Structure formats: structure tokens, C-alpha cells
Amino acid sequence: METLWFWLVAIMIAMYVVFDGFDLGAGALHLFVAKDDRERRMVLRSIGPVWDGNEVWLLAAGGTLYFAFPALYASSFSGFYLPLMIVLWLLILRGISIEFRNHIESPVWKPLWDVVFSGSSLLLAIFFGAALGNVIRGVPLDGNGYFFAPLWTHFGVTGQIGILDWYTVPVGLAALAALLVHGGSWIAMKTEGALRERARQAVLKSWWALVVLTALITVLTWKVQPQVASNLQERPWGYVFPLLAVGGLLGIPFYARREQMTRTFLHSVLYLVGMLTSAVYGVYPYVLPSNVDPAMALTVQNAAAPVYGLKVGLAWWIPGMLLVTFYFFHTYRSFAGKVTVEGEGY
């Protein structure tokens, strides 16, 4: 039962990355692919009907984490207090920049919020990537399962480490490159003309950075987290997850060069899911490894809620997720197709 919930939480986080990832990527590219106010409105309109709904998956994953793995929730939310506050402010700034942008007609007002929107989206992509890097690398847990990580210390991966080091920074940059590809694919899929072409070119250029960073973090992960090699040696079927990522990575430029942007976007989804499932499979059974002593790590067994509670929770989780799935299907179907700037809205 604990392992089931481990994978359910992982799936919900993957859904958040896939759905909110494209609007984070679109936001990070906002100032670079859109050359005037009309095109910037087009970018905003491409994500406008869905960006806030996409964050439902983040809230749902956080709530599920609190219910299923309370020890992990308590430890991580206290240990990662500083970066979590930064992420919270970035989410707030990103939301209000979308909503406030068109409230005042001014040569200063709109450019200001465009910069805030793009900058907060870019930083969120890096911080989310660095967060994943911290989970893979491990944290200095004490005997009670608690820790505190400042933003940085000596940039090493052992001892009293910080959020940012020589491993988590490349992971953060890889996350940014991945979401630039993801967001650029979405913009190109939803728009036409010169904006679509610039977004497509942004995908192809970002892809090269993604290839290099993917190779780099793969090598570094094997060095930093020995559990990855151990899991693959014991259960080699787990290689299917990195193979999914490789397939998605190779398909992105193949279809982008042929201007088949829907397929490009779907291969970007495949890459993201492959990378995230590879990370989850690699650290299992840890939910939060220790970089000090593996015996102090939080695992699916010692961090989980009682089995009876997990069984009862599953009876509520299933209908709740069915409702969320129906909501997303209806929303995306209602706003399918290319976007225009006519009418009310962003």
C-alpha cells in the first residue's frame, strides 16, 4: 500500500510538470518569442484559460503528500522552508502579473508585468529542477528525520549542504531547458505566423542545451546517488523509464523540423514523464534520501501513514481524481485549437 501511494504521488507530480510545465515554459519564453503587445497577448491567451487550473495538480500532490507521507511532509516543509517561500512568492508574482497586465493602459505598466511574468516563470523552472535535484542527492537528515538547508553553503554535495550545489544547479538548468522546449512547443502548436515560427526555432535551439544538460545530469546522478545504479542492477526492467526519455528527446527535433508541433509537444511530454519516472524509480524506496547516513533516510515504509488510513484514503482519492480528470478533459477540449486576439481576455 505504501508503494502504491508512492507512485500515486509521483504520478500527480508528473501531471503537474506536464501541464503547468508548458505555461511556465511559455512564460519564460514570453519576452523572447513575442515581439509586440499583440504577440504577447497571443502567448498569454494560449495559456490563459488553463494556467491556474494546471496548478490544481500541485495543490493535489501537496495534499496527498501530507496525507500519505506525513513524516516526509513535516521534514521537507521545515527543511526546505526558505526555497519554499521563494517558490510561493514566485507563484504569486507570476499569477498577479498575468491578471494585472491589462488593467492599466500605460507604456510602463505592461512591460513591467511582462518582465515579472517572464522572470518568475524562468526562476520557478530552475527552482523546481533544483528541488528535484535535492530529493535525488539527499539531505542531511538527523536522527529524528529533520534537517535545514540554506540556499547554499560550500556548493558541495556532502556534509552541511545547501539547496544549490554543483549537482542541483545543472539539474535546475536542465529543468529550465526542458520547460523551454515544452513551452515553445505549446506556443507553436497554439499560434500561427511569425510567432509560431519563432517559438519553433526556440524549441530547436533549446533542444541542444537540453541534450547536453541531460547527458551531464545523468552522469552526475550516477555519481551522487548510488541507489540509482543499485535499483537498475536489481531490477533492469527499470531501464524502460530512461528509454522513454530518450525516445521523447529524439522525437522533439524530428517533428519540430517538419513543423508538426502537436507531435513535438507530445514527445516533450514523453521526455518529461520519462525523466521524472526515472528519478522516482532510481531513488525508491527512499522518499527523501540522506547524504549523511543511508540509515537515516525517509523511506516509503517509515514515512508513510498507517495502512488503514491509506486504504480509506484510496477510496476518496479515486473519485476525486476522476473528477479532476473530467474537469481537465472538458477544459482542454473547450479551448482546443489556435488562439486569436479578438474578443475579451488577456
Protein backbone atom coordinates (compact mmCIF):
# COMPACT_ATOMS: atom_id res chain seq x y z
CA MET A 1 0.00 0.00 0.00
CA GLU A 2 2.85 2.40 0.81
CA THR A 3 4.48 1.75 -2.57
CA LEU A 4 1.16 2.34 -4.33
CA TRP A 5 0.85 5.76 -2.71
CA PHE A 6 4.48 6.50 -3.53
CA TRP A 7 3.69 6.03 -7.21
CA LEU A 8 0.37 7.89 -6.98
CA VAL A 9 2.16 10.94 -5.57
CA ALA A 10 4.82 10.60 -8.29
CA ILE A 11 2.12 10.47 -10.98
CA MET A 12 0.46 13.61 -9.62
CA ILE A 13 3.76 15.47 -9.59
CA ALA A 14 4.40 14.30 -13.16
CA MET A 15 0.95 15.58 -14.18
CA TYR A 16 1.80 18.95 -12.64
CA VAL A 17 5.09 19.13 -14.52
CA VAL A 18 3.44 18.19 -17.82
CA PHE A 19 0.52 20.60 -17.51
CA ASP A 20 1.95 23.56 -15.63
CA GLY A 21 5.31 22.99 -17.28
CA PHE A 22 4.20 24.26 -20.66
CA ASP A 23 2.81 27.51 -19.26
CA LEU A 24 5.98 28.01 -17.19
CA GLY A 25 7.99 27.46 -20.36
CA ALA A 26 5.72 29.78 -22.32
CA GLY A 27 6.19 32.42 -19.64
CA ALA A 28 9.97 32.07 -19.69
CA LEU A 29 9.92 32.49 -23.50
CA HIS A 30 7.35 35.27 -23.40
CA LEU A 31 9.76 38.18 -23.89
CA PHE A 32 11.90 36.39 -26.45
CA VAL A 33 9.45 34.96 -28.98
CA ALA A 34 6.78 37.69 -28.80
CA LYS A 35 7.95 40.96 -30.37
CA ASP A 36 5.00 43.27 -29.71
CA ASP A 37 1.95 43.63 -27.49
CA ARG A 38 -0.29 41.69 -29.88
CA GLU A 39 2.03 38.67 -29.87
CA ARG A 40 2.47 38.81 -26.10
CA ARG A 41 -1.29 38.72 -25.75
CA MET A 42 -1.29 35.70 -28.04
CA VAL A 43 1.15 33.90 -25.74
CA LEU A 44 -0.95 34.78 -22.71
CA ARG A 45 -4.12 33.68 -24.48
CA SER A 46 -2.57 30.34 -25.32
CA ILE A 47 -2.27 29.56 -21.60
CA GLY A 48 -4.91 31.95 -20.21
CA PRO A 49 -7.84 29.51 -19.91
CA VAL A 50 -5.78 26.76 -18.26
CA TRP A 51 -2.77 28.11 -16.35
CA ASP A 52 -4.49 28.42 -12.97
CA GLY A 53 -6.27 25.09 -13.40
CA ASN A 54 -2.92 23.44 -14.11
CA GLU A 55 -1.79 24.33 -10.60
CA VAL A 56 -4.54 22.12 -9.19
CA TRP A 57 -2.12 19.23 -9.64
CA LEU A 58 0.45 20.95 -7.40
CA LEU A 59 -2.12 21.52 -4.66
CA ALA A 60 -3.46 17.99 -5.01
CA ALA A 61 0.04 16.50 -4.87
CA GLY A 62 0.85 18.54 -1.76
CA GLY A 63 -2.36 17.46 -0.07
CA THR A 64 -1.79 13.82 -0.98
CA LEU A 65 1.79 14.02 0.27
CA TYR A 66 0.52 15.38 3.60
CA PHE A 67 -1.97 12.54 3.91
CA ALA A 68 0.10 9.60 2.65
CA PHE A 69 3.59 10.51 3.91
CA PRO A 70 3.19 12.89 6.88
CA ALA A 71 6.77 12.39 8.07
CA LEU A 72 8.09 13.41 4.65
CA TYR A 73 5.76 16.40 4.57
CA ALA A 74 6.87 17.58 8.01
CA SER A 75 10.56 17.09 7.31
CA SER A 76 10.66 18.61 3.82
CA PHE A 77 8.44 21.60 4.55
CA SER A 78 10.59 22.58 7.53
CA GLY A 79 13.95 21.76 5.93
CA PHE A 80 13.12 23.45 2.62
CA TYR A 81 11.40 26.41 4.29
CA LEU A 82 13.48 29.12 2.58
CA PRO A 83 13.19 27.83 -1.01
CA LEU A 84 9.50 27.06 -0.48
CA MET A 85 8.91 30.69 0.50
CA ILE A 86 10.78 31.80 -2.61
CA VAL A 87 8.66 29.49 -4.77
CA LEU A 88 5.50 30.80 -3.10
CA TRP A 89 6.43 34.39 -3.89
CA LEU A 90 7.33 33.49 -7.46
CA LEU A 91 3.96 31.78 -7.91
CA ILE A 92 2.22 34.87 -6.50
CA LEU A 93 4.18 37.26 -8.73
CA ARG A 94 3.52 35.11 -11.77
CA GLY A 95 -0.21 34.97 -11.08
CA ILE A 96 -0.67 38.67 -10.47
CA SER A 97 1.47 39.59 -13.49
CA ILE A 98 -0.96 37.68 -15.73
CA GLU A 99 -4.04 39.21 -14.08
CA PHE A 100 -2.76 42.79 -13.63
CA ARG A 101 -1.14 43.26 -17.04
CA ASN A 102 -4.14 44.66 -18.90
CA HIS A 103 -5.69 46.69 -16.08
CA ILE A 104 -3.93 49.95 -17.00
CA GLU A 105 -3.01 51.32 -20.41
CA SER A 106 0.49 52.67 -19.89
CA PRO A 107 3.86 52.42 -21.70
CA VAL A 108 5.41 51.34 -18.37
CA TRP A 109 2.71 49.15 -16.82
CA LYS A 110 2.51 46.33 -19.37
CA PRO A 111 6.28 45.96 -19.94
CA LEU A 112 6.78 45.84 -16.17
CA TRP A 113 4.41 42.92 -15.73
CA ASP A 114 5.78 41.20 -18.84
CA VAL A 115 9.23 41.19 -17.23
CA VAL A 116 7.80 39.93 -13.92
CA PHE A 117 5.87 37.20 -15.72
CA SER A 118 8.85 36.03 -17.73
CA GLY A 119 11.35 36.29 -14.86
CA SER A 120 9.17 34.50 -12.31
CA SER A 121 8.39 31.71 -14.78
CA LEU A 122 12.08 31.25 -15.56
CA LEU A 123 13.11 31.18 -11.90
CA LEU A 124 10.31 28.78 -11.00
CA ALA A 125 11.55 26.31 -13.62
CA ILE A 126 15.06 26.46 -12.15
CA PHE A 127 13.87 26.14 -8.53
CA PHE A 128 11.61 23.20 -9.30
CA GLY A 129 14.51 21.48 -11.04
CA ALA A 130 16.82 22.21 -8.12
CA ALA A 131 14.17 20.78 -5.77
CA LEU A 132 14.18 17.53 -7.73
CA GLY A 133 17.97 17.52 -7.56
CA ASN A 134 17.84 17.84 -3.78
CA VAL A 135 15.49 14.88 -3.50
CA ILE A 136 17.76 12.72 -5.66
CA ARG A 137 21.01 13.82 -3.98
CA GLY A 138 19.70 13.60 -0.44
CA VAL A 139 19.71 15.97 2.52
CA PRO A 140 21.50 15.97 5.93
CA LEU A 141 18.73 14.29 7.93
CA ASP A 142 19.31 13.89 11.67
CA GLY A 143 18.20 11.01 13.88
CA ASN A 144 14.69 12.47 14.15
CA GLY A 145 14.27 12.83 10.40
CA TYR A 146 14.70 16.61 10.29
CA PHE A 147 17.15 18.95 8.59
CA PHE A 148 17.55 22.54 7.46
CA ALA A 149 19.02 23.51 4.10
CA PRO A 150 20.08 27.13 3.42
CA LEU A 151 20.10 28.41 -0.12
CA TRP A 152 23.78 27.47 -0.49
CA THR A 153 26.84 26.70 1.64
CA HIS A 154 30.06 25.34 0.10
CA PHE A 155 28.46 24.10 -3.15
CA GLY A 156 29.46 20.56 -2.26
CA VAL A 157 27.18 17.50 -2.08
CA THR A 158 28.32 16.14 1.28
CA GLY A 159 28.10 17.43 4.84
CA GLN A 160 26.09 20.55 5.61
CA ILE A 161 24.84 21.23 2.12
CA GLY A 162 22.59 23.92 0.69
CA ILE A 163 19.82 23.89 -1.89
CA LEU A 164 22.24 24.90 -4.64
CA ASP A 165 25.44 22.99 -5.35
CA TRP A 166 27.41 21.57 -8.28
CA TYR A 167 24.75 18.89 -8.77
CA THR A 168 21.45 20.70 -8.19
CA VAL A 169 22.37 23.74 -10.32
CA PRO A 170 22.78 21.66 -13.52
CA VAL A 171 19.53 19.84 -12.68
CA GLY A 172 17.80 23.22 -12.36
CA LEU A 173 19.22 24.39 -15.67
CA ALA A 174 18.14 21.10 -17.31
CA ALA A 175 14.62 21.67 -15.97
CA LEU A 176 14.64 25.16 -17.47
CA ALA A 177 15.81 23.84 -20.87
CA ALA A 178 13.16 21.10 -20.77
CA LEU A 179 10.37 23.57 -20.00
CA LEU A 180 11.60 26.00 -22.66
CA VAL A 181 11.21 23.16 -25.17
CA HIS A 182 7.85 22.22 -23.68
CA GLY A 183 6.54 25.79 -23.59
CA GLY A 184 7.88 26.63 -27.04
CA SER A 185 6.15 23.54 -28.47
CA TRP A 186 2.88 24.65 -26.86
CA ILE A 187 3.11 28.19 -28.23
CA ALA A 188 3.93 26.91 -31.72
CA MET A 189 1.04 24.46 -31.50
CA LYS A 190 -1.46 27.13 -30.43
CA THR A 191 -0.41 30.09 -32.63
CA GLU A 192 0.28 30.92 -36.27
CA GLY A 193 2.53 33.14 -38.39
CA ALA A 194 5.78 34.69 -37.26
CA LEU A 195 5.13 33.97 -33.57
CA ARG A 196 4.70 30.28 -34.32
CA GLU A 197 7.94 30.20 -36.31
CA ARG A 198 9.95 31.95 -33.59
CA ALA A 199 8.56 29.54 -31.00
CA ARG A 200 9.51 26.60 -33.21
CA GLN A 201 13.05 27.95 -33.57
CA ALA A 202 13.23 28.42 -29.80
CA VAL A 203 12.36 24.74 -29.40
CA LEU A 204 15.15 23.66 -31.75
CA LYS A 205 17.73 25.93 -30.08
CA SER A 206 16.72 24.94 -26.54
CA TRP A 207 16.85 21.27 -27.52
CA TRP A 208 20.62 21.41 -27.96
CA ALA A 209 21.04 22.74 -24.43
CA LEU A 210 18.65 20.07 -23.19
CA VAL A 211 20.68 17.27 -24.81
CA VAL A 212 23.93 18.47 -23.21
CA LEU A 213 22.36 19.00 -19.78
CA THR A 214 20.51 15.68 -19.87
CA ALA A 215 23.78 13.86 -20.54
CA LEU A 216 25.53 15.86 -17.81
CA ILE A 217 22.95 15.29 -15.07
CA THR A 218 22.73 11.59 -15.97
CA VAL A 219 26.45 11.16 -15.35
CA LEU A 220 26.32 13.28 -12.18
CA THR A 221 23.31 11.38 -10.83
CA TRP A 222 25.14 8.06 -11.05
CA LYS A 223 27.99 9.67 -9.10
CA VAL A 224 25.84 11.40 -6.46
CA GLN A 225 23.15 8.79 -5.77
CA PRO A 226 24.36 5.15 -5.71
CA GLN A 227 20.80 3.91 -5.15
CA VAL A 228 20.09 4.54 -8.86
CA ALA A 229 22.68 2.03 -10.04
CA SER A 230 21.62 -0.44 -7.35
CA ASN A 231 17.97 -0.35 -8.41
CA LEU A 232 18.79 -0.77 -12.09
CA GLN A 233 21.10 -3.69 -11.32
CA GLU A 234 18.50 -5.47 -9.20
CA ARG A 235 15.52 -4.67 -11.47
CA PRO A 236 16.79 -4.00 -15.02
CA TRP A 237 13.24 -3.56 -16.34
CA GLY A 238 13.56 -0.04 -14.92
CA TYR A 239 15.61 0.92 -17.98
CA VAL A 240 12.25 1.41 -19.74
CA PHE A 241 11.92 4.79 -17.99
CA PRO A 242 15.12 6.41 -19.31
CA LEU A 243 14.37 4.84 -22.71
CA LEU A 244 11.07 6.75 -22.72
CA ALA A 245 13.00 9.95 -22.04
CA VAL A 246 15.47 9.20 -24.84
CA GLY A 247 12.63 8.46 -27.26
CA GLY A 248 10.95 11.74 -26.39
CA LEU A 249 14.21 13.65 -26.65
CA LEU A 250 14.95 12.29 -30.14
CA GLY A 251 11.42 12.87 -31.36
CA ILE A 252 11.37 16.58 -30.47
CA PRO A 253 13.70 17.87 -33.23
CA PHE A 254 12.48 15.22 -35.69
CA TYR A 255 8.95 16.60 -35.66
CA ALA A 256 9.86 20.24 -34.96
CA ARG A 257 11.91 20.40 -38.17
CA ARG A 258 8.89 19.05 -40.05
CA GLU A 259 6.69 21.67 -38.37
CA GLN A 260 4.49 19.00 -36.77
CA MET A 261 4.20 20.83 -33.48
CA THR A 262 1.49 18.71 -31.88
CA ARG A 263 3.74 15.67 -32.18
CA THR A 264 6.67 17.75 -30.98
CA PHE A 265 4.68 18.70 -27.88
CA LEU A 266 3.69 15.09 -27.23
CA HIS A 267 7.32 13.98 -27.44
CA SER A 268 8.21 16.73 -24.99
CA VAL A 269 5.59 15.22 -22.67
CA LEU A 270 7.19 11.81 -23.18
CA TYR A 271 10.63 13.20 -22.28
CA LEU A 272 9.36 14.84 -19.09
CA VAL A 273 7.47 11.75 -17.96
CA GLY A 274 10.46 9.54 -18.76
CA MET A 275 12.86 11.70 -16.79
CA LEU A 276 10.58 12.02 -13.76
CA THR A 277 9.75 8.31 -13.61
CA SER A 278 13.47 7.53 -13.98
CA ALA A 279 14.17 9.73 -10.96
CA VAL A 280 11.38 8.16 -8.91
CA TYR A 281 12.45 4.63 -9.83
CA GLY A 282 16.08 5.48 -9.14
CA VAL A 283 15.60 6.62 -5.53
CA TYR A 284 12.97 4.04 -4.49
CA PRO A 285 12.41 3.00 -1.69
CA TYR A 286 13.63 6.40 -0.46
CA VAL A 287 11.23 9.30 -0.43
CA LEU A 288 13.95 11.58 0.95
CA PRO A 289 17.48 10.12 0.93
CA SER A 290 20.13 11.10 3.45
CA ASN A 291 23.51 12.28 2.21
CA VAL A 292 24.98 11.62 5.65
CA ASP A 293 23.86 8.09 6.53
CA PRO A 294 21.51 5.94 4.38
CA ALA A 295 20.04 4.51 7.59
CA MET A 296 18.60 7.94 8.43
CA ALA A 297 16.76 8.28 5.12
CA LEU A 298 12.99 8.56 4.94
CA THR A 299 11.54 5.62 3.05
CA VAL A 300 8.12 4.57 1.81
CA GLN A 301 7.84 2.46 4.98
CA ASN A 302 8.97 4.77 7.77
CA ALA A 303 7.45 7.96 6.32
CA ALA A 304 4.01 6.60 5.42
CA ALA A 305 0.74 6.94 7.31
CA PRO A 306 -0.83 3.82 8.88
CA VAL A 307 -2.03 1.23 6.36
CA TYR A 308 -5.68 1.54 7.43
CA GLY A 309 -5.63 5.28 6.72
CA LEU A 310 -4.02 4.69 3.34
CA LYS A 311 -6.76 2.22 2.41
CA VAL A 312 -9.55 4.58 3.45
CA GLY A 313 -7.83 7.47 1.67
CA LEU A 314 -7.70 5.48 -1.55
CA ALA A 315 -11.49 5.19 -1.52
CA TRP A 316 -11.71 9.01 -1.52
CA TRP A 317 -8.74 9.66 -3.80
CA ILE A 318 -10.10 7.64 -6.74
CA PRO A 319 -13.41 9.55 -7.21
CA GLY A 320 -11.60 12.84 -6.56
CA MET A 321 -9.07 12.17 -9.30
CA LEU A 322 -11.85 11.07 -11.67
CA LEU A 323 -13.49 14.47 -11.17
CA VAL A 324 -10.20 16.27 -11.77
CA THR A 325 -9.58 14.22 -14.90
CA PHE A 326 -13.06 15.05 -16.24
CA TYR A 327 -12.50 18.74 -15.47
CA PHE A 328 -9.22 18.79 -17.38
CA PHE A 329 -10.64 16.87 -20.32
CA HIS A 330 -13.57 19.28 -20.57
CA THR A 331 -11.40 22.40 -20.18
CA TYR A 332 -8.81 21.44 -22.78
CA ARG A 333 -11.45 20.25 -25.20
CA SER A 334 -13.36 23.53 -24.82
CA PHE A 335 -10.28 25.63 -25.59
CA ALA A 336 -8.74 23.41 -28.28
CA GLY A 337 -7.41 24.92 -31.48
CA LYS A 338 -5.48 28.04 -32.38
CA VAL A 339 -5.79 31.21 -30.32
CA THR A 340 -6.66 34.70 -31.57
CA VAL A 341 -6.54 38.19 -30.06
CA GLU A 342 -10.14 39.04 -30.85
CA GLY A 343 -12.66 39.45 -28.04
CA GLU A 344 -12.23 39.87 -24.29
CA GLY A 345 -9.41 38.31 -22.35
CA TYR A 346 -5.67 38.52 -21.82
